[in-house]
Amino acid sequence: MPPTDRRVQVPPNADLTLGMVCIDKDHPGRTVWRMVADERFANPAGIMQGGFVSAFADSSMGACVFTYARDRKVFSSNTELKISFLRAVKIGSTLTCTASVVKGGERIVFVEADVVDDADRLVARASSTYLLTPRD
């Protein structure tokens, strides 16, 4: 269980590293994020390495969980993550990730996310389960 005496860093370092920007969080249980497929994230084939796409989807889904939890003070822990890569991401592309809660309760939240490129083509689809733990 995460310690309850530490402060939560917002935005998280992972989001800062990826250059993620939230463009919509107006609906509880849904967030939309944007990032550029920077050349730092390229694999040897010259396309975006899948781990960075996964991190983008994971961070987007994690943020989505907090909009679902609303005023509850909780830690959100990812218990599993599945991602399907559907198209290569060209370096320089702008990616958009829309994450939505599919089903949620007091402790468990199931989330899905779609990642599209700047031509609005689906490049990845992810799903994850998060465990909510109360914090002070």
N, C-alpha and C. Protein backbone atom coordinates (compact mmCIF):
# COMPACT_ATOMS: atom_id res chain seq x y z
N MET A 1 0.86 -1.18 0.00
CA MET A 1 0.00 0.00 0.00
C MET A 1 0.90 1.24 0.00
N PRO A 2 0.57 2.25 -0.81
CA PRO A 2 1.40 3.47 -0.86
C PRO A 2 1.38 4.19 0.48
N PRO A 3 2.50 4.82 0.83
CA PRO A 3 2.52 5.59 2.08
C PRO A 3 1.56 6.77 1.98
N THR A 4 0.89 7.08 3.09
CA THR A 4 -0.09 8.17 3.08
C THR A 4 0.51 9.50 3.51
N ASP A 5 1.78 9.51 3.89
CA ASP A 5 2.37 10.76 4.37
C ASP A 5 3.12 11.53 3.28
N ARG A 6 3.16 11.01 2.07
CA ARG A 6 3.86 11.72 1.00
C ARG A 6 2.87 12.53 0.17
N ARG A 7 3.40 13.57 -0.45
CA ARG A 7 2.58 14.42 -1.31
C ARG A 7 2.52 13.80 -2.70
N VAL A 8 1.45 14.06 -3.39
CA VAL A 8 1.28 13.58 -4.76
C VAL A 8 1.80 14.65 -5.69
N GLN A 9 2.73 14.28 -6.58
CA GLN A 9 3.28 15.25 -7.54
C GLN A 9 2.37 15.34 -8.75
N VAL A 10 1.95 16.55 -9.04
CA VAL A 10 1.10 16.80 -10.20
C VAL A 10 1.74 17.94 -11.00
N PRO A 11 2.01 17.76 -12.28
CA PRO A 11 1.89 16.51 -13.03
C PRO A 11 3.02 15.56 -12.67
N PRO A 12 2.79 14.25 -12.86
CA PRO A 12 3.82 13.27 -12.55
C PRO A 12 5.02 13.42 -13.49
N ASN A 13 6.19 12.97 -13.02
CA ASN A 13 7.40 13.05 -13.85
C ASN A 13 7.24 12.35 -15.19
N ALA A 14 6.55 11.22 -15.22
CA ALA A 14 6.37 10.49 -16.48
C ALA A 14 5.65 11.37 -17.51
N ASP A 15 4.62 12.08 -17.07
CA ASP A 15 3.88 12.96 -17.98
C ASP A 15 4.77 14.10 -18.48
N LEU A 16 5.60 14.64 -17.60
CA LEU A 16 6.51 15.71 -18.00
C LEU A 16 7.54 15.20 -19.01
N THR A 17 8.07 14.00 -18.78
CA THR A 17 9.05 13.41 -19.69
C THR A 17 8.45 13.19 -21.07
N LEU A 18 7.22 12.69 -21.10
CA LEU A 18 6.56 12.43 -22.38
C LEU A 18 6.07 13.71 -23.06
N GLY A 19 5.96 14.80 -22.32
CA GLY A 19 5.43 16.04 -22.89
C GLY A 19 3.93 16.00 -23.06
N MET A 20 3.27 15.22 -22.22
CA MET A 20 1.81 15.08 -22.29
C MET A 20 1.11 16.36 -21.82
N VAL A 21 0.02 16.70 -22.49
CA VAL A 21 -0.79 17.85 -22.12
C VAL A 21 -2.25 17.41 -22.10
N CYS A 22 -2.93 17.70 -21.00
CA CYS A 22 -4.36 17.38 -20.91
C CYS A 22 -5.13 18.46 -21.67
N ILE A 23 -5.98 18.01 -22.61
CA ILE A 23 -6.76 18.98 -23.38
C ILE A 23 -8.25 18.93 -23.02
N ASP A 24 -8.66 17.91 -22.26
CA ASP A 24 -10.06 17.85 -21.83
C ASP A 24 -10.20 16.93 -20.62
N LYS A 25 -10.74 17.45 -19.55
CA LYS A 25 -11.06 16.65 -18.37
C LYS A 25 -12.40 17.12 -17.78
N ASP A 26 -13.27 17.60 -18.65
CA ASP A 26 -14.54 18.18 -18.21
C ASP A 26 -15.58 17.15 -17.79
N HIS A 27 -15.44 15.91 -18.24
CA HIS A 27 -16.43 14.88 -17.92
C HIS A 27 -15.84 13.87 -16.94
N PRO A 28 -16.51 13.64 -15.80
CA PRO A 28 -15.99 12.65 -14.85
C PRO A 28 -15.81 11.29 -15.54
N GLY A 29 -14.63 10.69 -15.31
CA GLY A 29 -14.36 9.39 -15.90
C GLY A 29 -13.89 9.43 -17.34
N ARG A 30 -13.46 10.61 -17.82
CA ARG A 30 -12.97 10.72 -19.20
C ARG A 30 -11.93 11.84 -19.26
N THR A 31 -10.81 11.54 -19.92
CA THR A 31 -9.80 12.56 -20.17
C THR A 31 -9.27 12.42 -21.60
N VAL A 32 -8.79 13.52 -22.14
CA VAL A 32 -8.18 13.53 -23.46
C VAL A 32 -6.81 14.22 -23.33
N TRP A 33 -5.78 13.55 -23.86
CA TRP A 33 -4.40 14.02 -23.74
C TRP A 33 -3.75 14.10 -25.11
N ARG A 34 -2.72 14.92 -25.21
CA ARG A 34 -1.98 15.07 -26.45
C ARG A 34 -0.47 15.03 -26.15
N MET A 35 0.28 14.46 -27.10
CA MET A 35 1.75 14.49 -27.02
C MET A 35 2.31 14.34 -28.43
N VAL A 36 3.55 14.76 -28.59
CA VAL A 36 4.24 14.62 -29.88
C VAL A 36 5.16 13.40 -29.80
N ALA A 37 5.17 12.62 -30.86
CA ALA A 37 6.07 11.46 -30.95
C ALA A 37 7.47 12.00 -31.25
N ASP A 38 8.15 12.39 -30.20
CA ASP A 38 9.47 13.01 -30.29
C ASP A 38 10.52 11.99 -30.75
N GLU A 39 11.55 12.45 -31.42
CA GLU A 39 12.60 11.55 -31.90
C GLU A 39 13.32 10.83 -30.76
N ARG A 40 13.26 11.37 -29.55
CA ARG A 40 13.86 10.68 -28.38
C ARG A 40 13.17 9.35 -28.11
N PHE A 41 11.95 9.18 -28.63
CA PHE A 41 11.16 7.97 -28.37
C PHE A 41 11.22 6.97 -29.52
N ALA A 42 12.11 7.21 -30.49
CA ALA A 42 12.20 6.35 -31.67
C ALA A 42 12.94 5.05 -31.37
N ASN A 43 12.49 3.98 -32.02
CA ASN A 43 13.22 2.72 -31.96
C ASN A 43 14.20 2.67 -33.14
N PRO A 44 14.99 1.61 -33.28
CA PRO A 44 15.96 1.57 -34.39
C PRO A 44 15.32 1.63 -35.79
N ALA A 45 14.04 1.27 -35.90
CA ALA A 45 13.36 1.33 -37.20
C ALA A 45 12.89 2.75 -37.54
N GLY A 46 13.05 3.68 -36.59
CA GLY A 46 12.67 5.07 -36.84
C GLY A 46 11.22 5.39 -36.57
N ILE A 47 10.53 4.51 -35.86
CA ILE A 47 9.15 4.77 -35.45
C ILE A 47 9.12 4.82 -33.92
N MET A 48 8.01 5.27 -33.36
CA MET A 48 7.91 5.40 -31.91
C MET A 48 7.90 4.02 -31.26
N GLN A 49 8.77 3.84 -30.28
CA GLN A 49 8.87 2.58 -29.56
C GLN A 49 7.59 2.36 -28.75
N GLY A 50 7.08 1.14 -28.77
CA GLY A 50 5.78 0.83 -28.16
C GLY A 50 5.66 1.13 -26.68
N GLY A 51 6.77 1.05 -25.96
CA GLY A 51 6.71 1.34 -24.53
C GLY A 51 6.30 2.77 -24.24
N PHE A 52 6.67 3.69 -25.12
CA PHE A 52 6.27 5.08 -24.93
C PHE A 52 4.79 5.29 -25.25
N VAL A 53 4.30 4.57 -26.25
CA VAL A 53 2.86 4.61 -26.54
C VAL A 53 2.10 4.04 -25.34
N SER A 54 2.61 2.95 -24.78
CA SER A 54 1.99 2.34 -23.59
C SER A 54 1.98 3.30 -22.41
N ALA A 55 3.10 3.96 -22.19
CA ALA A 55 3.19 4.92 -21.07
C ALA A 55 2.20 6.06 -21.26
N PHE A 56 2.05 6.52 -22.50
CA PHE A 56 1.09 7.59 -22.81
C PHE A 56 -0.33 7.13 -22.48
N ALA A 57 -0.69 5.93 -22.92
CA ALA A 57 -2.03 5.40 -22.64
C ALA A 57 -2.22 5.18 -21.14
N ASP A 58 -1.20 4.63 -20.47
CA ASP A 58 -1.30 4.36 -19.04
C ASP A 58 -1.49 5.65 -18.24
N SER A 59 -0.70 6.66 -18.54
CA SER A 59 -0.83 7.93 -17.82
C SER A 59 -2.19 8.58 -18.08
N SER A 60 -2.66 8.48 -19.32
CA SER A 60 -3.98 9.03 -19.66
C SER A 60 -5.09 8.31 -18.90
N MET A 61 -5.00 6.98 -18.85
CA MET A 61 -6.02 6.20 -18.13
C MET A 61 -5.94 6.46 -16.63
N GLY A 62 -4.73 6.58 -16.09
CA GLY A 62 -4.59 6.87 -14.67
C GLY A 62 -5.22 8.21 -14.30
N ALA A 63 -5.03 9.21 -15.14
CA ALA A 63 -5.64 10.52 -14.90
C ALA A 63 -7.16 10.43 -14.99
N CYS A 64 -7.63 9.63 -15.92
CA CYS A 64 -9.06 9.42 -16.09
C CYS A 64 -9.69 8.87 -14.81
N VAL A 65 -8.97 7.98 -14.14
CA VAL A 65 -9.46 7.38 -12.90
C VAL A 65 -9.67 8.46 -11.84
N PHE A 66 -8.78 9.46 -11.79
CA PHE A 66 -8.94 10.52 -10.79
C PHE A 66 -10.14 11.40 -11.08
N THR A 67 -10.49 11.59 -12.35
CA THR A 67 -11.70 12.36 -12.64
C THR A 67 -12.94 11.55 -12.26
N TYR A 68 -12.82 10.23 -12.31
CA TYR A 68 -13.90 9.35 -11.86
C TYR A 68 -14.04 9.42 -10.34
N ALA A 69 -12.91 9.39 -9.63
CA ALA A 69 -12.93 9.40 -8.16
C ALA A 69 -13.40 10.75 -7.61
N ARG A 70 -13.31 11.78 -8.43
CA ARG A 70 -13.73 13.13 -8.09
C ARG A 70 -13.09 13.64 -6.81
N ASP A 71 -13.87 13.93 -5.77
CA ASP A 71 -13.35 14.55 -4.56
C ASP A 71 -12.75 13.56 -3.56
N ARG A 72 -12.82 12.28 -3.86
CA ARG A 72 -12.22 11.28 -2.97
C ARG A 72 -10.71 11.38 -3.05
N LYS A 73 -10.04 11.34 -1.91
CA LYS A 73 -8.58 11.34 -1.89
C LYS A 73 -8.12 9.89 -1.95
N VAL A 74 -7.58 9.51 -3.12
CA VAL A 74 -7.16 8.12 -3.33
C VAL A 74 -5.83 8.07 -4.07
N PHE A 75 -5.13 6.94 -3.89
CA PHE A 75 -4.04 6.57 -4.76
C PHE A 75 -4.64 5.65 -5.79
N SER A 76 -4.13 5.71 -7.00
CA SER A 76 -4.59 4.85 -8.07
C SER A 76 -3.42 3.97 -8.50
N SER A 77 -3.56 2.66 -8.33
CA SER A 77 -2.50 1.73 -8.69
C SER A 77 -2.94 0.86 -9.85
N ASN A 78 -2.14 0.83 -10.89
CA ASN A 78 -2.43 0.00 -12.05
C ASN A 78 -2.16 -1.46 -11.69
N THR A 79 -3.17 -2.32 -11.84
CA THR A 79 -2.97 -3.74 -11.51
C THR A 79 -2.72 -4.58 -12.74
N GLU A 80 -3.07 -4.10 -13.91
CA GLU A 80 -2.76 -4.77 -15.17
C GLU A 80 -2.98 -3.80 -16.31
N LEU A 81 -2.29 -4.07 -17.42
CA LEU A 81 -2.39 -3.22 -18.60
C LEU A 81 -2.28 -4.09 -19.83
N LYS A 82 -3.18 -3.89 -20.78
CA LYS A 82 -3.10 -4.57 -22.07
C LYS A 82 -3.14 -3.50 -23.14
N ILE A 83 -2.28 -3.66 -24.12
CA ILE A 83 -2.29 -2.71 -25.23
C ILE A 83 -2.12 -3.46 -26.54
N SER A 84 -2.85 -3.03 -27.55
CA SER A 84 -2.71 -3.55 -28.90
C SER A 84 -2.21 -2.43 -29.78
N PHE A 85 -1.08 -2.68 -30.48
CA PHE A 85 -0.51 -1.71 -31.40
C PHE A 85 -1.08 -1.99 -32.78
N LEU A 86 -1.77 -1.02 -33.36
CA LEU A 86 -2.51 -1.23 -34.59
C LEU A 86 -1.88 -0.58 -35.81
N ARG A 87 -0.97 0.36 -35.57
CA ARG A 87 -0.32 1.08 -36.67
C ARG A 87 0.96 1.70 -36.13
N ALA A 88 1.98 1.74 -36.95
CA ALA A 88 3.24 2.38 -36.56
C ALA A 88 3.02 3.88 -36.37
N VAL A 89 3.72 4.45 -35.39
CA VAL A 89 3.63 5.89 -35.13
C VAL A 89 4.89 6.55 -35.70
N LYS A 90 4.68 7.45 -36.67
CA LYS A 90 5.79 8.18 -37.27
C LYS A 90 6.30 9.23 -36.29
N ILE A 91 7.62 9.37 -36.25
CA ILE A 91 8.22 10.40 -35.43
C ILE A 91 7.76 11.77 -35.95
N GLY A 92 7.39 12.63 -35.03
CA GLY A 92 6.86 13.95 -35.38
C GLY A 92 5.35 14.01 -35.37
N SER A 93 4.70 12.85 -35.33
CA SER A 93 3.23 12.81 -35.28
C SER A 93 2.75 13.36 -33.95
N THR A 94 1.58 13.97 -33.98
CA THR A 94 0.91 14.37 -32.74
C THR A 94 -0.11 13.30 -32.40
N LEU A 95 0.03 12.75 -31.20
CA LEU A 95 -0.87 11.69 -30.74
C LEU A 95 -1.90 12.26 -29.79
N THR A 96 -3.11 11.71 -29.87
CA THR A 96 -4.18 12.06 -28.95
C THR A 96 -4.68 10.78 -28.32
N CYS A 97 -4.81 10.80 -27.00
CA CYS A 97 -5.33 9.63 -26.27
C CYS A 97 -6.60 10.03 -25.54
N THR A 98 -7.67 9.29 -25.81
CA THR A 98 -8.93 9.48 -25.10
C THR A 98 -9.13 8.27 -24.20
N ALA A 99 -9.19 8.53 -22.89
CA ALA A 99 -9.35 7.47 -21.89
C ALA A 99 -10.70 7.63 -21.21
N SER A 100 -11.39 6.50 -21.01
CA SER A 100 -12.72 6.53 -20.40
C SER A 100 -12.90 5.36 -19.44
N VAL A 101 -13.55 5.65 -18.32
CA VAL A 101 -13.92 4.59 -17.39
C VAL A 101 -15.05 3.79 -18.00
N VAL A 102 -14.87 2.49 -18.08
CA VAL A 102 -15.91 1.59 -18.60
C VAL A 102 -16.81 1.14 -17.46
N LYS A 103 -16.20 0.83 -16.32
CA LYS A 103 -16.95 0.37 -15.15
C LYS A 103 -16.11 0.68 -13.92
N GLY A 104 -16.75 1.19 -12.89
CA GLY A 104 -16.00 1.51 -11.69
C GLY A 104 -16.82 1.33 -10.43
N GLY A 105 -16.11 1.08 -9.37
CA GLY A 105 -16.71 0.96 -8.05
C GLY A 105 -15.90 1.74 -7.04
N GLU A 106 -16.04 1.38 -5.77
CA GLU A 106 -15.30 2.06 -4.70
C GLU A 106 -13.81 1.75 -4.75
N ARG A 107 -13.43 0.52 -5.15
CA ARG A 107 -12.03 0.09 -5.08
C ARG A 107 -11.42 -0.26 -6.44
N ILE A 108 -12.23 -0.72 -7.38
CA ILE A 108 -11.71 -1.18 -8.67
C ILE A 108 -12.34 -0.35 -9.80
N VAL A 109 -11.49 0.05 -10.76
CA VAL A 109 -11.95 0.82 -11.90
C VAL A 109 -11.36 0.21 -13.17
N PHE A 110 -12.23 -0.07 -14.16
CA PHE A 110 -11.78 -0.60 -15.44
C PHE A 110 -11.85 0.52 -16.46
N VAL A 111 -10.74 0.72 -17.19
CA VAL A 111 -10.60 1.86 -18.10
C VAL A 111 -10.13 1.37 -19.48
N GLU A 112 -10.57 2.06 -20.53
CA GLU A 112 -10.08 1.82 -21.88
C GLU A 112 -9.59 3.13 -22.48
N ALA A 113 -8.67 3.01 -23.44
CA ALA A 113 -8.12 4.20 -24.10
C ALA A 113 -7.84 3.91 -25.56
N ASP A 114 -8.09 4.91 -26.39
CA ASP A 114 -7.73 4.87 -27.80
C ASP A 114 -6.68 5.95 -28.05
N VAL A 115 -5.63 5.58 -28.78
CA VAL A 115 -4.59 6.52 -29.19
C VAL A 115 -4.68 6.67 -30.70
N VAL A 116 -4.84 7.92 -31.15
CA VAL A 116 -4.91 8.20 -32.59
C VAL A 116 -3.78 9.14 -32.98
N ASP A 117 -3.39 9.08 -34.27
CA ASP A 117 -2.35 10.00 -34.76
C ASP A 117 -3.00 11.27 -35.30
N ASP A 118 -2.17 12.15 -35.87
CA ASP A 118 -2.69 13.44 -36.32
C ASP A 118 -3.56 13.33 -37.57
N ALA A 119 -3.62 12.13 -38.19
CA ALA A 119 -4.55 11.89 -39.30
C ALA A 119 -5.80 11.18 -38.79
N ASP A 120 -5.97 11.13 -37.47
CA ASP A 120 -7.11 10.51 -36.78
C ASP A 120 -7.21 9.01 -37.05
N ARG A 121 -6.04 8.37 -37.27
CA ARG A 121 -5.99 6.91 -37.45
C ARG A 121 -5.68 6.27 -36.11
N LEU A 122 -6.42 5.22 -35.79
CA LEU A 122 -6.21 4.50 -34.54
C LEU A 122 -4.86 3.79 -34.59
N VAL A 123 -3.96 4.14 -33.65
CA VAL A 123 -2.64 3.51 -33.62
C VAL A 123 -2.51 2.50 -32.48
N ALA A 124 -3.31 2.67 -31.43
CA ALA A 124 -3.26 1.73 -30.31
C ALA A 124 -4.56 1.78 -29.52
N ARG A 125 -4.89 0.64 -28.94
CA ARG A 125 -6.03 0.55 -28.02
C ARG A 125 -5.54 -0.15 -26.76
N ALA A 126 -5.87 0.44 -25.61
CA ALA A 126 -5.39 -0.10 -24.34
C ALA A 126 -6.55 -0.29 -23.37
N SER A 127 -6.35 -1.18 -22.43
CA SER A 127 -7.30 -1.34 -21.32
C SER A 127 -6.50 -1.61 -20.06
N SER A 128 -7.07 -1.23 -18.94
CA SER A 128 -6.37 -1.39 -17.68
C SER A 128 -7.34 -1.44 -16.52
N THR A 129 -6.90 -2.07 -15.45
CA THR A 129 -7.65 -2.11 -14.21
C THR A 129 -6.85 -1.39 -13.15
N TYR A 130 -7.51 -0.52 -12.41
CA TYR A 130 -6.86 0.26 -11.36
C TYR A 130 -7.48 -0.06 -10.01
N LEU A 131 -6.64 -0.10 -9.00
CA LEU A 131 -7.06 -0.29 -7.62
C LEU A 131 -6.99 1.06 -6.92
N LEU A 132 -8.10 1.47 -6.31
CA LEU A 132 -8.14 2.73 -5.57
C LEU A 132 -7.88 2.45 -4.09
N THR A 133 -6.94 3.20 -3.52
CA THR A 133 -6.60 3.07 -2.11
C THR A 133 -6.76 4.43 -1.45
N PRO A 134 -7.51 4.53 -0.36
CA PRO A 134 -7.68 5.83 0.31
C PRO A 134 -6.34 6.41 0.77
N ARG A 135 -6.22 7.74 0.72
CA ARG A 135 -5.05 8.45 1.25
C ARG A 135 -5.56 9.62 2.08
N ASP A 136 -4.72 10.07 2.97
CA ASP A 136 -5.08 11.20 3.83
C ASP A 136 -4.69 12.51 3.21
